[in-house]
C-alpha atoms as a PDB file:
ATOM      1  CA  UNK A   1     116.720 151.470  24.788  1.00  0.00           C
ATOM      2  CA  UNK A   2     120.413 152.302  24.987  1.00  0.00           C
ATOM      3  CA  UNK A   3     123.139 149.725  24.472  1.00  0.00           C
ATOM      4  CA  UNK A   4     124.049 149.947  28.177  1.00  0.00           C
ATOM      5  CA  UNK A   5     120.404 149.393  29.219  1.00  0.00           C
ATOM      6  CA  UNK A   6     120.130 146.445  26.846  1.00  0.00           C
ATOM      7  CA  UNK A   7     123.334 144.907  28.178  1.00  0.00           C
ATOM      8  CA  UNK A   8     122.156 145.346  31.772  1.00  0.00           C
ATOM      9  CA  UNK A   9     118.804 143.741  30.949  1.00  0.00           C
ATOM     10  CA  UNK A  10     120.453 140.871  29.080  1.00  0.00           C
ATOM     11  CA  UNK A  11     122.860 140.205  31.960  1.00  0.00           C
ATOM     12  CA  UNK A  12     119.956 140.156  34.434  1.00  0.00           C
ATOM     13  CA  UNK A  13     117.965 137.704  32.294  1.00  0.00           C
ATOM     14  CA  UNK A  14     120.978 135.413  31.878  1.00  0.00           C
ATOM     15  CA  UNK A  15     121.668 135.475  35.641  1.00  0.00           C
ATOM     16  CA  UNK A  16     118.047 134.716  36.474  1.00  0.00           C
ATOM     17  CA  UNK A  17     117.736 131.911  33.905  1.00  0.00           C
ATOM     18  CA  UNK A  18     121.015 130.233  34.802  1.00  0.00           C
ATOM     19  CA  UNK A  19     120.726 130.745  38.534  1.00  0.00           C
ATOM     20  CA  UNK A  20     123.965 132.709  38.639  1.00  0.00           C
ATOM     21  CA  UNK A  21     124.113 135.553  41.086  1.00  0.00           C
ATOM     22  CA  UNK A  22     126.759 138.159  41.791  1.00  0.00           C
ATOM     23  CA  UNK A  23     129.263 136.895  44.342  1.00  0.00           C
ATOM     24  CA  UNK A  24     131.331 139.108  46.611  1.00  0.00           C
ATOM     25  CA  UNK A  25     134.754 138.333  48.008  1.00  0.00           C
ATOM     26  CA  UNK A  26     135.200 138.498  51.763  1.00  0.00           C
ATOM     27  CA  UNK A  27     135.808 142.057  52.943  1.00  0.00           C
ATOM     28  CA  UNK A  28     139.356 141.314  54.134  1.00  0.00           C
ATOM     29  CA  UNK A  29     140.482 140.428  50.590  1.00  0.00           C
ATOM     30  CA  UNK A  30     138.989 143.419  48.727  1.00  0.00           C
ATOM     31  CA  UNK A  31     141.681 145.586  47.207  1.00  0.00           C
ATOM     32  CA  UNK A  32     144.357 142.987  47.954  1.00  0.00           C
ATOM     33  CA  UNK A  33     146.804 141.157  45.726  1.00  0.00           C
ATOM     34  CA  UNK A  34     147.506 137.506  45.145  1.00  0.00           C
ATOM     35  CA  UNK A  35     151.272 137.031  45.120  1.00  0.00           C
ATOM     36  CA  UNK A  36     153.117 133.959  43.856  1.00  0.00           C
ATOM     37  CA  UNK A  37     156.634 133.992  45.232  1.00  0.00           C
ATOM     38  CA  UNK A  38     158.953 131.420  43.617  1.00  0.00           C
ATOM     39  CA  UNK A  39     161.133 129.276  45.844  1.00  0.00           C
ATOM     40  CA  UNK A  40     163.993 129.601  43.404  1.00  0.00           C
ATOM     41  CA  UNK A  41     166.250 132.627  44.036  1.00  0.00           C
ATOM     42  CA  UNK A  42     166.426 135.199  41.262  1.00  0.00           C
ATOM     43  CA  UNK A  43     163.026 134.357  39.779  1.00  0.00           C
ATOM     44  CA  UNK A  44     160.575 137.224  39.716  1.00  0.00           C
ATOM     45  CA  UNK A  45     157.339 136.933  41.700  1.00  0.00           C
ATOM     46  CA  UNK A  46     153.956 137.364  40.026  1.00  0.00           C
ATOM     47  CA  UNK A  47     150.993 139.212  41.490  1.00  0.00           C
ATOM     48  CA  UNK A  48     147.386 139.847  40.474  1.00  0.00           C
ATOM     49  CA  UNK A  49     144.544 141.761  42.074  1.00  0.00           C
ATOM     50  CA  UNK A  50     142.634 139.306  44.268  1.00  0.00           C
ATOM     51  CA  UNK A  51     139.400 140.388  42.567  1.00  0.00           C
ATOM     52  CA  UNK A  52     140.756 139.085  39.229  1.00  0.00           C
ATOM     53  CA  UNK A  53     141.662 135.733  40.739  1.00  0.00           C
ATOM     54  CA  UNK A  54     138.367 135.600  42.659  1.00  0.00           C
ATOM     55  CA  UNK A  55     136.418 136.262  39.454  1.00  0.00           C
ATOM     56  CA  UNK A  56     138.125 133.296  37.777  1.00  0.00           C
ATOM     57  CA  UNK A  57     137.345 131.026  40.747  1.00  0.00           C
ATOM     58  CA  UNK A  58     133.685 132.117  40.591  1.00  0.00           C
ATOM     59  CA  UNK A  59     133.586 131.514  36.813  1.00  0.00           C
ATOM     60  CA  UNK A  60     134.949 128.003  37.374  1.00  0.00           C
ATOM     61  CA  UNK A  61     132.334 127.354  40.051  1.00  0.00           C
ATOM     62  CA  UNK A  62     129.555 128.610  37.769  1.00  0.00           C
ATOM     63  CA  UNK A  63     130.739 126.423  34.903  1.00  0.00           C
ATOM     64  CA  UNK A  64     130.806 123.380  37.188  1.00  0.00           C
ATOM     65  CA  UNK A  65     127.238 124.155  38.228  1.00  0.00           C
ATOM     66  CA  UNK A  66     126.189 124.475  34.586  1.00  0.00           C
ATOM     67  CA  UNK A  67     127.918 121.188  33.753  1.00  0.00           C
ATOM     68  CA  UNK A  68     126.105 119.545  36.657  1.00  0.00           C
ATOM     69  CA  UNK A  69     122.756 120.839  35.362  1.00  0.00           C
ATOM     70  CA  UNK A  70     123.549 119.632  31.845  1.00  0.00           C
ATOM     71  CA  UNK A  71     124.474 116.161  33.088  1.00  0.00           C
ATOM     72  CA  UNK A  72     121.316 115.922  35.192  1.00  0.00           C
ATOM     73  CA  UNK A  73     119.140 116.997  32.247  1.00  0.00           C
ATOM     74  CA  UNK A  74     120.863 114.713  29.732  1.00  0.00           C
ATOM     75  CA  UNK A  75     119.638 111.417  28.328  1.00  0.00           C
ATOM     76  CA  UNK A  76     122.672 109.580  29.670  1.00  0.00           C
ATOM     77  CA  UNK A  77     122.039 106.312  31.490  1.00  0.00           C
ATOM     78  CA  UNK A  78     121.751 106.776  35.252  1.00  0.00           C
ATOM     79  CA  UNK A  79     125.002 104.924  35.966  1.00  0.00           C
ATOM     80  CA  UNK A  80     126.877 107.329  33.682  1.00  0.00           C
ATOM     81  CA  UNK A  81     125.215 110.325  35.323  1.00  0.00           C
ATOM     82  CA  UNK A  82     126.279 109.070  38.754  1.00  0.00           C
ATOM     83  CA  UNK A  83     129.848 108.543  37.553  1.00  0.00           C
ATOM     84  CA  UNK A  84     130.111 112.033  36.028  1.00  0.00           C
ATOM     85  CA  UNK A  85     128.391 113.546  39.060  1.00  0.00           C
ATOM     86  CA  UNK A  86     131.044 111.985  41.311  1.00  0.00           C
ATOM     87  CA  UNK A  87     133.790 113.641  39.247  1.00  0.00           C
ATOM     88  CA  UNK A  88     132.012 117.002  39.558  1.00  0.00           C
ATOM     89  CA  UNK A  89     131.660 116.545  43.324  1.00  0.00           C
ATOM     90  CA  UNK A  90     135.370 115.720  43.479  1.00  0.00           C
ATOM     91  CA  UNK A  91     136.139 118.962  41.652  1.00  0.00           C
ATOM     92  CA  UNK A  92     134.078 120.900  44.191  1.00  0.00           C
ATOM     93  CA  UNK A  93     135.991 119.164  46.969  1.00  0.00           C
ATOM     94  CA  UNK A  94     139.332 120.037  45.397  1.00  0.00           C
ATOM     95  CA  UNK A  95     138.304 123.691  45.243  1.00  0.00           C
ATOM     96  CA  UNK A  96     137.257 124.057  48.899  1.00  0.00           C
ATOM     97  CA  UNK A  97     140.645 125.652  49.654  1.00  0.00           C
ATOM     98  CA  UNK A  98     139.355 128.746  47.874  1.00  0.00           C
ATOM     99  CA  UNK A  99     136.376 129.074  50.240  1.00  0.00           C
ATOM    100  CA  UNK A 100     138.439 131.496  52.318  1.00  0.00           C
ATOM    101  CA  UNK A 101     137.851 134.062  49.541  1.00  0.00           C
ATOM    102  CA  UNK A 102     134.037 134.028  49.732  1.00  0.00           C
ATOM    103  CA  UNK A 103     132.041 136.458  51.869  1.00  0.00           C
ATOM    104  CA  UNK A 104     128.849 134.360  52.008  1.00  0.00           C
ATOM    105  CA  UNK A 105     128.695 130.779  53.230  1.00  0.00           C
ATOM    106  CA  UNK A 106     126.191 129.720  50.532  1.00  0.00           C
ATOM    107  CA  UNK A 107     128.637 130.734  47.773  1.00  0.00           C
ATOM    108  CA  UNK A 108     131.370 128.368  48.951  1.00  0.00           C
ATOM    109  CA  UNK A 109     132.426 125.068  47.375  1.00  0.00           C
ATOM    110  CA  UNK A 110     131.122 121.905  49.021  1.00  0.00           C
ATOM    111  CA  UNK A 111     132.663 118.514  48.351  1.00  0.00           C
ATOM    112  CA  UNK A 112     131.444 115.063  49.269  1.00  0.00           C
ATOM    113  CA  UNK A 113     132.736 115.384  52.835  1.00  0.00           C
ATOM    114  CA  UNK A 114     134.905 112.305  52.537  1.00  0.00           C
END
């Protein structure tokens, strides 16, 4: 087995075991740039490929999901689990602004709806 084949196999096993799946950005954003334009004159703007930013948003979402799984599987008292879970749900809610980037509805952030 080549190193590339082994890496591909390992990535597939990790995705399947952690429940992480590849996520695609919405078609309209592919190949685009994220531009931060300062409000202060004379300050240079900063831009990144949207795919780079999107990847970081997806990594954050995946880490929140992993944290949620870890909390649910922990030996913490139920009241502590509920408290931590509410913080995680709040994080999801704060990140719903980024849902515009996702192609598939099931990949989007969902908050508490409050």
